[in-house]
Amino acid sequence: MWITTKDPSEYPWYLRPFFWNQRRKYGQVLKPALVWARIPKLFIAVATLYGILDRRDSPLSPELRSLITVRVSQINWCRFCVDINAATLAKRCGSMEKVMDLQDWRNSNLFNEREKAALKYAEAITITDEQVTKEIMHELPMYFDEDGIVELTALIAFQNLSSKFNSALDLPAQGFCKVPGAPPPMASKPR
């Protein structure tokens, strides 16, 4: 981890309820929260956007949101994001099967056509050498209305922001989910 953090009690008082909620939900304060909180306005903006994207009345199911966040995190080599989002995906799916097959989703029969369309779109947005094609954009309306496509795009963009931020600063996994094949520490990352 390249950036130092302070004890949660040293951050502005108005951020402490966020930290309290993380302790309640995860049993610990999340390292990325402590890093983002170094700039309180950024932390509040990121936390608000995440809350909007992960709301109950989203047009995207909780399981699909988790599939997307884990896949984008894998591509961006974010150890923290894979860890926490894979744990959430396993909880939302009721098993580790989809978590284990996600890197090879194209060859797995665990994913339905809607999920595959969303994953294809997420990869096209996330992988630097790829692009969103006309074919992808013609396929999405088969599974998502326009609001769903906007929300899916926002979720993918947000997860790219989050996972690239965390990966760049080498924020560690915090032990939420042991996933074989998870991104290694930065030192052994291929160049």
N, C-alpha and C. Protein backbone atom coordinates (compact mmCIF):
# COMPACT_ATOMS: atom_id res chain seq x y z
N MET A 1 0.86 -1.17 0.00
CA MET A 1 0.00 0.00 0.00
C MET A 1 0.90 1.23 0.00
N TRP A 2 0.68 2.11 -0.96
CA TRP A 2 1.57 3.25 -1.16
C TRP A 2 1.18 4.48 -0.33
N ILE A 3 -0.04 4.55 0.14
CA ILE A 3 -0.52 5.72 0.87
C ILE A 3 -0.80 5.32 2.32
N THR A 4 -0.37 6.15 3.25
CA THR A 4 -0.65 5.86 4.66
C THR A 4 -2.05 6.33 5.02
N THR A 5 -2.61 5.69 5.99
CA THR A 5 -3.93 6.08 6.48
C THR A 5 -3.83 6.42 7.96
N LYS A 6 -4.82 7.15 8.41
CA LYS A 6 -4.88 7.51 9.82
C LYS A 6 -5.90 6.60 10.50
N ASP A 7 -5.92 6.67 11.79
CA ASP A 7 -6.96 5.99 12.54
C ASP A 7 -8.30 6.65 12.18
N PRO A 8 -9.37 5.87 12.05
CA PRO A 8 -10.67 6.47 11.69
C PRO A 8 -11.09 7.63 12.58
N SER A 9 -10.69 7.61 13.83
CA SER A 9 -11.07 8.70 14.75
C SER A 9 -10.39 10.03 14.40
N GLU A 10 -9.35 9.98 13.57
CA GLU A 10 -8.63 11.19 13.20
C GLU A 10 -9.22 11.90 11.97
N TYR A 11 -10.19 11.28 11.34
CA TYR A 11 -10.82 11.89 10.17
C TYR A 11 -11.95 12.82 10.64
N PRO A 12 -12.43 13.71 9.77
CA PRO A 12 -13.51 14.61 10.18
C PRO A 12 -14.71 13.85 10.75
N TRP A 13 -15.36 14.46 11.72
CA TRP A 13 -16.47 13.83 12.44
C TRP A 13 -17.57 13.34 11.50
N TYR A 14 -17.82 14.04 10.41
CA TYR A 14 -18.93 13.68 9.53
C TYR A 14 -18.63 12.45 8.67
N LEU A 15 -17.38 11.96 8.68
CA LEU A 15 -17.06 10.72 7.97
C LEU A 15 -17.15 9.50 8.90
N ARG A 16 -17.11 9.74 10.17
CA ARG A 16 -17.09 8.63 11.13
C ARG A 16 -18.32 7.72 11.04
N PRO A 17 -19.52 8.24 10.75
CA PRO A 17 -20.66 7.32 10.57
C PRO A 17 -20.45 6.33 9.41
N PHE A 18 -19.76 6.77 8.36
CA PHE A 18 -19.45 5.85 7.26
C PHE A 18 -18.56 4.72 7.77
N PHE A 19 -17.54 5.07 8.55
CA PHE A 19 -16.63 4.07 9.09
C PHE A 19 -17.35 3.13 10.06
N TRP A 20 -18.22 3.70 10.89
CA TRP A 20 -19.00 2.88 11.82
C TRP A 20 -19.84 1.86 11.04
N ASN A 21 -20.46 2.32 9.96
CA ASN A 21 -21.29 1.43 9.16
C ASN A 21 -20.44 0.33 8.51
N GLN A 22 -19.24 0.65 8.08
CA GLN A 22 -18.36 -0.37 7.50
C GLN A 22 -17.97 -1.41 8.55
N ARG A 23 -17.67 -0.96 9.76
CA ARG A 23 -17.35 -1.91 10.83
C ARG A 23 -18.54 -2.83 11.09
N ARG A 24 -19.74 -2.26 11.10
CA ARG A 24 -20.96 -3.04 11.34
C ARG A 24 -21.17 -4.05 10.21
N LYS A 25 -21.00 -3.62 8.98
CA LYS A 25 -21.29 -4.46 7.82
C LYS A 25 -20.17 -5.47 7.53
N TYR A 26 -18.91 -5.03 7.62
CA TYR A 26 -17.78 -5.87 7.21
C TYR A 26 -16.88 -6.34 8.36
N GLY A 27 -17.12 -5.81 9.55
CA GLY A 27 -16.28 -6.18 10.68
C GLY A 27 -14.99 -5.38 10.76
N GLN A 28 -14.80 -4.45 9.84
CA GLN A 28 -13.59 -3.63 9.80
C GLN A 28 -13.84 -2.43 8.89
N VAL A 29 -13.00 -1.42 9.04
CA VAL A 29 -13.05 -0.26 8.15
C VAL A 29 -12.28 -0.64 6.89
N LEU A 30 -12.82 -0.30 5.74
CA LEU A 30 -12.19 -0.66 4.48
C LEU A 30 -11.03 0.28 4.18
N LYS A 31 -9.90 -0.30 3.77
CA LYS A 31 -8.70 0.49 3.48
C LYS A 31 -8.96 1.56 2.40
N PRO A 32 -9.67 1.24 1.31
CA PRO A 32 -9.92 2.29 0.33
C PRO A 32 -10.69 3.48 0.92
N ALA A 33 -11.59 3.21 1.83
CA ALA A 33 -12.34 4.31 2.45
C ALA A 33 -11.40 5.25 3.20
N LEU A 34 -10.44 4.68 3.89
CA LEU A 34 -9.49 5.50 4.64
C LEU A 34 -8.59 6.31 3.71
N VAL A 35 -8.31 5.77 2.52
CA VAL A 35 -7.50 6.51 1.56
C VAL A 35 -8.33 7.61 0.91
N TRP A 36 -9.53 7.26 0.41
CA TRP A 36 -10.40 8.29 -0.18
C TRP A 36 -10.70 9.39 0.83
N ALA A 37 -10.85 9.02 2.10
CA ALA A 37 -11.23 9.98 3.14
C ALA A 37 -10.13 11.01 3.42
N ARG A 38 -8.94 10.79 2.90
CA ARG A 38 -7.90 11.82 3.03
C ARG A 38 -8.37 13.12 2.38
N ILE A 39 -9.24 13.00 1.38
CA ILE A 39 -9.88 14.15 0.72
C ILE A 39 -11.38 13.97 0.97
N PRO A 40 -11.91 14.49 2.07
CA PRO A 40 -13.29 14.19 2.46
C PRO A 40 -14.34 14.43 1.38
N LYS A 41 -14.21 15.48 0.59
CA LYS A 41 -15.21 15.74 -0.46
C LYS A 41 -15.19 14.63 -1.51
N LEU A 42 -14.02 14.12 -1.85
CA LEU A 42 -13.94 13.00 -2.79
C LEU A 42 -14.59 11.76 -2.19
N PHE A 43 -14.30 11.50 -0.93
CA PHE A 43 -14.88 10.33 -0.27
C PHE A 43 -16.41 10.39 -0.32
N ILE A 44 -16.97 11.53 0.02
CA ILE A 44 -18.43 11.67 0.04
C ILE A 44 -19.00 11.49 -1.36
N ALA A 45 -18.33 12.04 -2.37
CA ALA A 45 -18.81 11.89 -3.75
C ALA A 45 -18.78 10.43 -4.18
N VAL A 46 -17.69 9.73 -3.90
CA VAL A 46 -17.56 8.33 -4.29
C VAL A 46 -18.56 7.46 -3.52
N ALA A 47 -18.68 7.69 -2.23
CA ALA A 47 -19.62 6.92 -1.42
C ALA A 47 -21.06 7.14 -1.87
N THR A 48 -21.39 8.36 -2.22
CA THR A 48 -22.75 8.67 -2.69
C THR A 48 -23.03 7.97 -4.02
N LEU A 49 -22.09 8.07 -4.95
CA LEU A 49 -22.28 7.42 -6.24
C LEU A 49 -22.42 5.91 -6.07
N TYR A 50 -21.57 5.31 -5.26
CA TYR A 50 -21.68 3.87 -5.01
C TYR A 50 -23.05 3.52 -4.43
N GLY A 51 -23.51 4.30 -3.47
CA GLY A 51 -24.81 4.04 -2.86
C GLY A 51 -25.96 4.10 -3.87
N ILE A 52 -25.87 5.03 -4.80
CA ILE A 52 -26.90 5.15 -5.84
C ILE A 52 -26.85 3.94 -6.77
N LEU A 53 -25.66 3.51 -7.15
CA LEU A 53 -25.53 2.38 -8.06
C LEU A 53 -25.90 1.04 -7.42
N ASP A 54 -25.75 0.93 -6.12
CA ASP A 54 -26.04 -0.34 -5.45
C ASP A 54 -27.36 -0.29 -4.68
N ARG A 55 -28.28 0.53 -5.14
CA ARG A 55 -29.57 0.67 -4.45
C ARG A 55 -30.51 -0.50 -4.78
N ARG A 56 -31.50 -0.69 -3.95
CA ARG A 56 -32.45 -1.79 -4.11
C ARG A 56 -33.31 -1.68 -5.36
N ASP A 57 -33.67 -0.47 -5.78
CA ASP A 57 -34.55 -0.33 -6.94
C ASP A 57 -33.79 -0.13 -8.26
N SER A 58 -32.54 -0.53 -8.28
CA SER A 58 -31.76 -0.47 -9.51
C SER A 58 -32.40 -1.39 -10.57
N PRO A 59 -32.34 -1.01 -11.84
CA PRO A 59 -32.85 -1.91 -12.88
C PRO A 59 -31.95 -3.13 -13.08
N LEU A 60 -30.79 -3.13 -12.44
CA LEU A 60 -29.86 -4.26 -12.52
C LEU A 60 -29.98 -5.08 -11.24
N SER A 61 -30.08 -6.37 -11.37
CA SER A 61 -30.20 -7.22 -10.19
C SER A 61 -28.92 -7.16 -9.36
N PRO A 62 -29.04 -7.42 -8.06
CA PRO A 62 -27.83 -7.44 -7.22
C PRO A 62 -26.77 -8.42 -7.73
N GLU A 63 -27.20 -9.59 -8.19
CA GLU A 63 -26.25 -10.58 -8.68
C GLU A 63 -25.52 -10.05 -9.93
N LEU A 64 -26.24 -9.44 -10.85
CA LEU A 64 -25.61 -8.90 -12.05
C LEU A 64 -24.64 -7.77 -11.70
N ARG A 65 -25.03 -6.91 -10.78
CA ARG A 65 -24.12 -5.84 -10.35
C ARG A 65 -22.82 -6.43 -9.80
N SER A 66 -22.95 -7.48 -9.02
CA SER A 66 -21.75 -8.11 -8.46
C SER A 66 -20.90 -8.79 -9.53
N LEU A 67 -21.54 -9.44 -10.49
CA LEU A 67 -20.78 -10.06 -11.60
C LEU A 67 -19.93 -9.01 -12.30
N ILE A 68 -20.56 -7.88 -12.59
CA ILE A 68 -19.86 -6.81 -13.31
C ILE A 68 -18.71 -6.27 -12.46
N THR A 69 -18.94 -6.01 -11.18
CA THR A 69 -17.88 -5.42 -10.36
C THR A 69 -16.70 -6.37 -10.19
N VAL A 70 -16.98 -7.67 -10.06
CA VAL A 70 -15.87 -8.61 -9.93
C VAL A 70 -15.09 -8.69 -11.24
N ARG A 71 -15.79 -8.79 -12.36
CA ARG A 71 -15.08 -8.94 -13.65
C ARG A 71 -14.23 -7.70 -13.96
N VAL A 72 -14.76 -6.52 -13.76
CA VAL A 72 -13.97 -5.31 -13.99
C VAL A 72 -12.77 -5.28 -13.03
N SER A 73 -12.98 -5.70 -11.80
CA SER A 73 -11.89 -5.73 -10.82
C SER A 73 -10.80 -6.71 -11.22
N GLN A 74 -11.19 -7.87 -11.77
CA GLN A 74 -10.20 -8.84 -12.25
C GLN A 74 -9.34 -8.24 -13.36
N ILE A 75 -10.00 -7.60 -14.30
CA ILE A 75 -9.29 -7.01 -15.44
C ILE A 75 -8.31 -5.93 -14.97
N ASN A 76 -8.70 -5.16 -13.99
CA ASN A 76 -7.87 -4.05 -13.49
C ASN A 76 -6.90 -4.45 -12.40
N TRP A 77 -6.80 -5.73 -12.10
CA TRP A 77 -5.85 -6.24 -11.11
C TRP A 77 -6.03 -5.62 -9.73
N CYS A 78 -7.27 -5.42 -9.33
CA CYS A 78 -7.52 -4.83 -8.02
C CYS A 78 -7.76 -5.94 -7.00
N ARG A 79 -6.76 -6.21 -6.20
CA ARG A 79 -6.86 -7.28 -5.20
C ARG A 79 -7.97 -7.00 -4.19
N PHE A 80 -8.05 -5.76 -3.72
CA PHE A 80 -9.10 -5.42 -2.76
C PHE A 80 -10.47 -5.62 -3.37
N CYS A 81 -10.68 -5.10 -4.57
CA CYS A 81 -12.00 -5.16 -5.21
C CYS A 81 -12.43 -6.59 -5.51
N VAL A 82 -11.50 -7.41 -6.00
CA VAL A 82 -11.84 -8.82 -6.25
C VAL A 82 -12.25 -9.47 -4.94
N ASP A 83 -11.49 -9.22 -3.90
CA ASP A 83 -11.75 -9.80 -2.58
C ASP A 83 -13.16 -9.46 -2.07
N ILE A 84 -13.47 -8.19 -1.96
CA ILE A 84 -14.75 -7.80 -1.36
C ILE A 84 -15.92 -8.08 -2.30
N ASN A 85 -15.73 -7.82 -3.61
CA ASN A 85 -16.83 -8.03 -4.55
C ASN A 85 -17.10 -9.50 -4.82
N ALA A 86 -16.08 -10.34 -4.78
CA ALA A 86 -16.30 -11.79 -4.93
C ALA A 86 -17.06 -12.33 -3.72
N ALA A 87 -16.76 -11.83 -2.53
CA ALA A 87 -17.52 -12.25 -1.34
C ALA A 87 -18.98 -11.86 -1.48
N THR A 88 -19.23 -10.64 -1.99
CA THR A 88 -20.61 -10.19 -2.19
C THR A 88 -21.30 -11.02 -3.27
N LEU A 89 -20.59 -11.31 -4.36
CA LEU A 89 -21.16 -12.14 -5.43
C LEU A 89 -21.52 -13.52 -4.91
N ALA A 90 -20.63 -14.14 -4.17
CA ALA A 90 -20.91 -15.48 -3.62
C ALA A 90 -22.14 -15.44 -2.72
N LYS A 91 -22.25 -14.40 -1.92
CA LYS A 91 -23.42 -14.27 -1.03
C LYS A 91 -24.69 -14.09 -1.85
N ARG A 92 -24.63 -13.26 -2.88
CA ARG A 92 -25.81 -12.99 -3.70
C ARG A 92 -26.20 -14.19 -4.56
N CYS A 93 -25.23 -14.99 -4.97
CA CYS A 93 -25.50 -16.19 -5.78
C CYS A 93 -25.84 -17.40 -4.93
N GLY A 94 -25.39 -17.39 -3.69
CA GLY A 94 -25.60 -18.54 -2.83
C GLY A 94 -24.53 -19.61 -2.96
N SER A 95 -23.49 -19.34 -3.76
CA SER A 95 -22.38 -20.29 -3.90
C SER A 95 -21.18 -19.58 -4.52
N MET A 96 -20.09 -20.30 -4.61
CA MET A 96 -18.85 -19.77 -5.21
C MET A 96 -18.73 -20.14 -6.69
N GLU A 97 -19.69 -20.86 -7.23
CA GLU A 97 -19.55 -21.36 -8.61
C GLU A 97 -19.32 -20.26 -9.63
N LYS A 98 -20.14 -19.23 -9.63
CA LYS A 98 -19.97 -18.16 -10.61
C LYS A 98 -18.69 -17.38 -10.36
N VAL A 99 -18.32 -17.22 -9.10
CA VAL A 99 -17.06 -16.54 -8.78
C VAL A 99 -15.91 -17.29 -9.43
N MET A 100 -15.91 -18.60 -9.30
CA MET A 100 -14.82 -19.43 -9.81
C MET A 100 -14.78 -19.46 -11.34
N ASP A 101 -15.93 -19.34 -11.99
CA ASP A 101 -15.99 -19.40 -13.45
C ASP A 101 -15.93 -18.05 -14.14
N LEU A 102 -15.90 -16.98 -13.39
CA LEU A 102 -16.07 -15.65 -13.97
C LEU A 102 -14.97 -15.26 -14.96
N GLN A 103 -13.72 -15.61 -14.69
CA GLN A 103 -12.66 -15.23 -15.63
C GLN A 103 -12.85 -15.93 -16.98
N ASP A 104 -13.51 -17.06 -16.99
CA ASP A 104 -13.74 -17.81 -18.23
C ASP A 104 -15.24 -17.90 -18.52
N TRP A 105 -15.96 -16.81 -18.31
CA TRP A 105 -17.42 -16.80 -18.42
C TRP A 105 -17.93 -17.19 -19.81
N ARG A 106 -17.17 -16.89 -20.85
CA ARG A 106 -17.62 -17.22 -22.21
C ARG A 106 -17.77 -18.73 -22.40
N ASN A 107 -16.97 -19.51 -21.70
CA ASN A 107 -16.99 -20.97 -21.85
C ASN A 107 -17.76 -21.67 -20.74
N SER A 108 -18.44 -20.92 -19.92
CA SER A 108 -19.18 -21.50 -18.80
C SER A 108 -20.68 -21.50 -19.10
N ASN A 109 -21.35 -22.54 -18.67
CA ASN A 109 -22.81 -22.59 -18.83
C ASN A 109 -23.53 -22.06 -17.59
N LEU A 110 -22.79 -21.46 -16.66
CA LEU A 110 -23.39 -20.90 -15.45
C LEU A 110 -24.00 -19.52 -15.68
N PHE A 111 -23.65 -18.88 -16.80
CA PHE A 111 -24.09 -17.51 -17.06
C PHE A 111 -25.16 -17.49 -18.14
N ASN A 112 -26.24 -16.76 -17.87
CA ASN A 112 -27.30 -16.67 -18.86
C ASN A 112 -26.94 -15.63 -19.93
N GLU A 113 -27.75 -15.53 -20.95
CA GLU A 113 -27.45 -14.64 -22.08
C GLU A 113 -27.43 -13.17 -21.67
N ARG A 114 -28.28 -12.77 -20.75
CA ARG A 114 -28.29 -11.39 -20.26
C ARG A 114 -26.97 -11.07 -19.56
N GLU A 115 -26.54 -11.97 -18.69
CA GLU A 115 -25.27 -11.78 -17.98
C GLU A 115 -24.10 -11.74 -18.97
N LYS A 116 -24.13 -12.60 -19.97
CA LYS A 116 -23.04 -12.63 -20.95
C LYS A 116 -23.00 -11.34 -21.76
N ALA A 117 -24.15 -10.80 -22.12
CA ALA A 117 -24.19 -9.53 -22.85
C ALA A 117 -23.60 -8.42 -21.98
N ALA A 118 -23.94 -8.39 -20.71
CA ALA A 118 -23.42 -7.37 -19.79
C ALA A 118 -21.92 -7.54 -19.58
N LEU A 119 -21.45 -8.77 -19.44
CA LEU A 119 -20.03 -9.02 -19.26
C LEU A 119 -19.23 -8.65 -20.51
N LYS A 120 -19.77 -8.94 -21.67
CA LYS A 120 -19.11 -8.57 -22.93
C LYS A 120 -18.97 -7.04 -23.01
N TYR A 121 -20.03 -6.35 -22.65
CA TYR A 121 -20.04 -4.88 -22.64
C TYR A 121 -19.02 -4.35 -21.62
N ALA A 122 -18.99 -4.94 -20.43
CA ALA A 122 -18.04 -4.51 -19.39
C ALA A 122 -16.60 -4.69 -19.86
N GLU A 123 -16.32 -5.79 -20.50
CA GLU A 123 -14.96 -6.01 -20.99
C GLU A 123 -14.60 -5.03 -22.10
N ALA A 124 -15.54 -4.76 -23.00
CA ALA A 124 -15.28 -3.82 -24.10
C ALA A 124 -14.97 -2.42 -23.57
N ILE A 125 -15.62 -2.04 -22.50
CA ILE A 125 -15.36 -0.72 -21.90
C ILE A 125 -14.04 -0.73 -21.12
N THR A 126 -13.76 -1.82 -20.44
CA THR A 126 -12.65 -1.88 -19.49
C THR A 126 -11.30 -2.19 -20.12
N ILE A 127 -11.25 -3.11 -21.06
CA ILE A 127 -9.98 -3.53 -21.64
C ILE A 127 -9.49 -2.46 -22.61
N THR A 128 -8.31 -1.96 -22.39
CA THR A 128 -7.78 -0.84 -23.14
C THR A 128 -7.79 -1.06 -24.65
N ASP A 129 -7.42 -2.22 -25.11
CA ASP A 129 -7.34 -2.49 -26.55
C ASP A 129 -8.67 -2.87 -27.18
N GLU A 130 -9.75 -2.82 -26.43
CA GLU A 130 -11.07 -3.15 -26.97
C GLU A 130 -11.91 -1.90 -27.09
N GLN A 131 -13.04 -2.08 -27.75
CA GLN A 131 -13.95 -0.97 -27.97
C GLN A 131 -15.37 -1.51 -27.98
N VAL A 132 -16.31 -0.68 -27.61
CA VAL A 132 -17.72 -1.07 -27.68
C VAL A 132 -18.10 -1.05 -29.16
N THR A 133 -18.53 -2.19 -29.66
CA THR A 133 -18.86 -2.31 -31.08
C THR A 133 -20.35 -2.10 -31.31
N LYS A 134 -20.69 -1.93 -32.57
CA LYS A 134 -22.10 -1.82 -32.96
C LYS A 134 -22.83 -3.11 -32.59
N GLU A 135 -22.15 -4.24 -32.75
CA GLU A 135 -22.77 -5.52 -32.42
C GLU A 135 -23.15 -5.60 -30.95
N ILE A 136 -22.26 -5.14 -30.10
CA ILE A 136 -22.55 -5.13 -28.66
C ILE A 136 -23.73 -4.21 -28.38
N MET A 137 -23.73 -3.04 -28.99
CA MET A 137 -24.82 -2.09 -28.74
C MET A 137 -26.15 -2.53 -29.34
N HIS A 138 -26.11 -3.38 -30.32
CA HIS A 138 -27.36 -3.94 -30.86
C HIS A 138 -27.87 -5.10 -30.00
N GLU A 139 -26.96 -5.77 -29.31
CA GLU A 139 -27.34 -6.89 -28.45
C GLU A 139 -27.93 -6.43 -27.12
N LEU A 140 -27.39 -5.36 -26.54
CA LEU A 140 -27.83 -4.93 -25.21
C LEU A 140 -29.34 -4.68 -25.11
N PRO A 141 -30.00 -4.03 -26.09
CA PRO A 141 -31.45 -3.79 -25.95
C PRO A 141 -32.30 -5.07 -25.93
N MET A 142 -31.70 -6.19 -26.27
CA MET A 142 -32.43 -7.46 -26.15
C MET A 142 -32.63 -7.82 -24.67
N TYR A 143 -31.78 -7.27 -23.80
CA TYR A 143 -31.79 -7.65 -22.39
C TYR A 143 -32.01 -6.48 -21.43
N PHE A 144 -31.79 -5.25 -21.91
CA PHE A 144 -31.88 -4.07 -21.05
C PHE A 144 -32.62 -2.96 -21.77
N ASP A 145 -33.47 -2.23 -21.02
CA ASP A 145 -34.07 -1.03 -21.61
C ASP A 145 -33.02 0.09 -21.56
N GLU A 146 -33.36 1.26 -22.07
CA GLU A 146 -32.37 2.33 -22.13
C GLU A 146 -31.87 2.77 -20.75
N ASP A 147 -32.77 2.82 -19.77
CA ASP A 147 -32.33 3.16 -18.42
C ASP A 147 -31.37 2.10 -17.88
N GLY A 148 -31.65 0.85 -18.17
CA GLY A 148 -30.77 -0.23 -17.75
C GLY A 148 -29.39 -0.13 -18.38
N ILE A 149 -29.35 0.26 -19.66
CA ILE A 149 -28.07 0.42 -20.34
C ILE A 149 -27.28 1.58 -19.73
N VAL A 150 -27.97 2.68 -19.44
CA VAL A 150 -27.28 3.81 -18.80
C VAL A 150 -26.74 3.40 -17.44
N GLU A 151 -27.55 2.71 -16.67
CA GLU A 151 -27.10 2.29 -15.34
C GLU A 151 -25.97 1.28 -15.42
N LEU A 152 -26.06 0.34 -16.36
CA LEU A 152 -24.99 -0.64 -16.56
C LEU A 152 -23.68 0.08 -16.92
N THR A 153 -23.77 1.05 -17.81
CA THR A 153 -22.59 1.82 -18.21
C THR A 153 -22.01 2.58 -17.02
N ALA A 154 -22.87 3.18 -16.22
CA ALA A 154 -22.41 3.91 -15.03
C ALA A 154 -21.73 2.97 -14.05
N LEU A 155 -22.30 1.79 -13.85
CA LEU A 155 -21.71 0.82 -12.93
C LEU A 155 -20.32 0.40 -13.41
N ILE A 156 -20.21 0.12 -14.69
CA ILE A 156 -18.91 -0.29 -15.25
C ILE A 156 -17.90 0.85 -15.10
N ALA A 157 -18.31 2.06 -15.42
CA ALA A 157 -17.41 3.21 -15.30
C ALA A 157 -17.00 3.43 -13.84
N PHE A 158 -17.96 3.32 -12.92
CA PHE A 158 -17.64 3.49 -11.50
C PHE A 158 -16.64 2.43 -11.05
N GLN A 159 -16.88 1.17 -11.44
CA GLN A 159 -15.99 0.10 -10.99
C GLN A 159 -14.60 0.26 -11.59
N ASN A 160 -14.52 0.80 -12.79
CA ASN A 160 -13.21 1.10 -13.36
C ASN A 160 -12.51 2.17 -12.54
N LEU A 161 -13.22 3.22 -12.16
CA LEU A 161 -12.65 4.26 -11.30
C LEU A 161 -12.14 3.65 -10.01
N SER A 162 -13.01 2.91 -9.35
CA SER A 162 -12.68 2.35 -8.04
C SER A 162 -11.53 1.36 -8.12
N SER A 163 -11.61 0.41 -9.05
CA SER A 163 -10.57 -0.63 -9.10
C SER A 163 -9.24 -0.09 -9.61
N LYS A 164 -9.27 0.87 -10.51
CA LYS A 164 -8.00 1.45 -10.98
C LYS A 164 -7.35 2.29 -9.86
N PHE A 165 -8.17 3.01 -9.11
CA PHE A 165 -7.68 3.78 -7.96
C PHE A 165 -7.02 2.83 -6.96
N ASN A 166 -7.73 1.79 -6.58
CA ASN A 166 -7.23 0.86 -5.56
C ASN A 166 -6.00 0.09 -6.05
N SER A 167 -6.02 -0.32 -7.31
CA SER A 167 -4.89 -1.06 -7.87
C SER A 167 -3.65 -0.18 -7.97
N ALA A 168 -3.83 1.05 -8.44
CA ALA A 168 -2.69 1.96 -8.57
C ALA A 168 -2.01 2.22 -7.23
N LEU A 169 -2.80 2.29 -6.18
CA LEU A 169 -2.25 2.55 -4.84
C LEU A 169 -1.94 1.27 -4.08
N ASP A 170 -2.07 0.12 -4.76
CA ASP A 170 -1.74 -1.20 -4.21
C ASP A 170 -2.48 -1.48 -2.90
N LEU A 171 -3.78 -1.17 -2.89
CA LEU A 171 -4.57 -1.44 -1.69
C LEU A 171 -4.79 -2.94 -1.58
N PRO A 172 -4.51 -3.51 -0.43
CA PRO A 172 -4.53 -4.97 -0.27
C PRO A 172 -5.93 -5.54 -0.10
N ALA A 173 -6.05 -6.82 -0.40
CA ALA A 173 -7.26 -7.56 -0.06
C ALA A 173 -7.36 -7.56 1.47
N GLN A 174 -8.59 -7.64 1.97
CA GLN A 174 -8.77 -7.62 3.42
C GLN A 174 -9.34 -8.92 3.95
N GLY A 175 -9.26 -9.99 3.16
CA GLY A 175 -9.63 -11.31 3.64
C GLY A 175 -11.11 -11.64 3.62
N PHE A 176 -11.87 -11.02 2.73
CA PHE A 176 -13.30 -11.31 2.66
C PHE A 176 -13.60 -12.60 1.91
N CYS A 177 -12.78 -12.92 0.90
CA CYS A 177 -13.07 -14.07 0.05
C CYS A 177 -11.76 -14.62 -0.51
N LYS A 178 -11.49 -15.85 -0.24
CA LYS A 178 -10.28 -16.48 -0.78
C LYS A 178 -10.60 -16.99 -2.18
N VAL A 179 -10.05 -16.32 -3.18
CA VAL A 179 -10.35 -16.66 -4.56
C VAL A 179 -9.07 -17.14 -5.25
N PRO A 180 -9.02 -18.42 -5.63
CA PRO A 180 -7.86 -18.88 -6.39
C PRO A 180 -7.73 -18.07 -7.68
N GLY A 181 -6.52 -17.75 -8.03
CA GLY A 181 -6.29 -17.00 -9.26
C GLY A 181 -6.56 -15.51 -9.13
N ALA A 182 -6.72 -15.03 -7.89
CA ALA A 182 -6.91 -13.59 -7.68
C ALA A 182 -5.64 -12.86 -8.08
N PRO A 183 -5.75 -11.59 -8.41
CA PRO A 183 -4.57 -10.84 -8.84
C PRO A 183 -3.45 -10.90 -7.80
N PRO A 184 -2.22 -11.11 -8.26
CA PRO A 184 -1.09 -11.14 -7.34
C PRO A 184 -0.72 -9.73 -6.90
N PRO A 185 0.18 -9.62 -5.93
CA PRO A 185 0.66 -8.30 -5.56
C PRO A 185 1.30 -7.63 -6.78
N MET A 186 1.39 -6.30 -6.75
CA MET A 186 1.90 -5.56 -7.91
C MET A 186 3.28 -6.00 -8.37
N ALA A 187 4.13 -6.37 -7.45
CA ALA A 187 5.50 -6.72 -7.81
C ALA A 187 5.57 -7.87 -8.82
N SER A 188 4.62 -8.79 -8.78
CA SER A 188 4.68 -9.93 -9.70
C SER A 188 3.70 -9.81 -10.85
N LYS A 189 3.10 -8.64 -11.02
CA LYS A 189 2.16 -8.40 -12.11
C LYS A 189 2.90 -8.39 -13.45
N PRO A 190 2.35 -9.05 -14.48
CA PRO A 190 3.06 -9.07 -15.77
C PRO A 190 3.17 -7.67 -16.36
N ARG A 191 4.22 -7.43 -17.05
CA ARG A 191 4.46 -6.12 -17.67
C ARG A 191 4.28 -6.20 -19.16
